[in-house]
Every structure is written in structure tokens, then in C-alpha cells.
Amino acid sequence: MKSAASGMMRVRVYPLVANGLGAPIRFGINRALKHGDTALSNEEIDRIVDCCENELLNWFCDTFSFDEE
């Protein structure tokens, strides 16, 4: 049986946050559109998601310190 790995696992916070934003934003947009009369193309949704991600990442970077090694 292998022994458990020793040491601390470090989380790369910035990629975690960056990659974790797009899916929930896209889900929320699709859910809102499902319950309304507005239709958007995939390109329009992509632009909205990109803008939201950019603004949120700017806020995260201004608010938190990411120690990347």
C-alpha cells in the first residue's frame, strides 16, 4: 500500500477563480433566457460572458492578492 503524500497541496487561486466564473455566468444567462421572450445568439452570449468574467476578474485582482509561484 502506498503511503499518503506528505506536504501541503497549494491551490492556484487565480486559475481556479478564472475558470470557475464562466460556467455559472453562462448557466444564469441561459436560465434567464429560458424564462423570457428574448433570444440571443451564442456569439452574443459569449460576449456577455466574456465581459462579466473580465469585470469580475478585475475586481478579484483589485481586492485579493494572488501569490503565484
Protein backbone atom coordinates (compact mmCIF):
# COMPACT_ATOMS: atom_id res chain seq x y z
CA MET A 1 0.00 0.00 0.00
CA LYS A 2 1.31 3.45 -0.94
CA SER A 3 1.84 5.97 1.79
CA ALA A 4 -0.08 9.21 1.70
CA ALA A 5 1.65 12.16 0.07
CA SER A 6 3.34 14.39 2.55
CA GLY A 7 3.32 18.16 2.40
CA MET A 8 0.74 20.76 1.61
CA MET A 9 -1.16 20.97 -1.62
CA ARG A 10 -1.17 24.55 -2.89
CA VAL A 11 -4.16 25.83 -4.76
CA ARG A 12 -3.51 28.12 -7.71
CA VAL A 13 -6.25 30.57 -6.79
CA TYR A 14 -6.27 32.81 -9.87
CA PRO A 15 -6.85 29.97 -12.40
CA LEU A 16 -9.42 28.45 -10.04
CA VAL A 17 -11.36 31.71 -9.91
CA ALA A 18 -10.91 32.48 -13.61
CA ASN A 19 -12.07 29.06 -14.75
CA GLY A 20 -14.89 28.95 -12.21
CA LEU A 21 -16.66 32.09 -13.44
CA GLY A 22 -17.69 31.28 -17.00
CA ALA A 23 -19.93 28.27 -16.43
CA PRO A 24 -22.15 29.83 -13.73
CA ILE A 25 -22.49 33.06 -15.72
CA ARG A 26 -23.45 31.12 -18.86
CA PHE A 27 -25.89 28.98 -16.85
CA GLY A 28 -27.55 32.09 -15.39
CA ILE A 29 -27.92 33.72 -18.80
CA ASN A 30 -29.40 30.58 -20.34
CA ARG A 31 -31.78 30.17 -17.42
CA ALA A 32 -32.92 33.79 -17.68
CA LEU A 33 -33.46 33.46 -21.42
CA LYS A 34 -35.44 30.26 -20.91
CA HIS A 35 -37.99 32.16 -18.84
CA GLY A 36 -38.24 35.21 -21.07
CA ASP A 37 -39.10 36.24 -24.60
CA THR A 38 -35.58 37.37 -25.54
CA ALA A 39 -33.40 35.24 -27.80
CA LEU A 40 -29.64 35.71 -28.04
CA SER A 41 -27.17 34.07 -30.39
CA ASN A 42 -24.28 32.04 -29.00
CA GLU A 43 -21.92 34.84 -30.05
CA GLU A 44 -23.93 37.39 -28.06
CA ILE A 45 -23.94 35.12 -25.01
CA ASP A 46 -20.18 34.61 -25.39
CA ARG A 47 -19.62 38.38 -25.45
CA ILE A 48 -21.74 38.85 -22.31
CA VAL A 49 -19.90 36.03 -20.51
CA ASP A 50 -16.51 37.47 -21.54
CA CYS A 51 -17.45 40.95 -20.28
CA CYS A 52 -18.76 39.60 -16.97
CA GLU A 53 -15.67 37.42 -16.46
CA ASN A 54 -13.38 40.36 -17.23
CA GLU A 55 -15.13 42.69 -14.76
CA LEU A 56 -15.22 40.06 -12.02
CA LEU A 57 -11.55 39.15 -12.52
CA ASN A 58 -10.61 42.83 -12.37
CA TRP A 59 -12.49 43.10 -9.08
CA PHE A 60 -10.85 39.94 -7.71
CA CYS A 61 -7.38 41.17 -8.71
CA ASP A 62 -8.01 44.58 -7.12
CA THR A 63 -9.41 43.00 -3.95
CA PHE A 64 -7.24 39.92 -3.38
CA SER A 65 -3.54 39.19 -3.61
CA PHE A 66 -2.62 36.17 -5.72
CA ASP A 67 0.76 34.76 -4.79
CA GLU A 68 1.71 32.79 -7.90
CA GLU A 69 4.95 30.86 -7.75
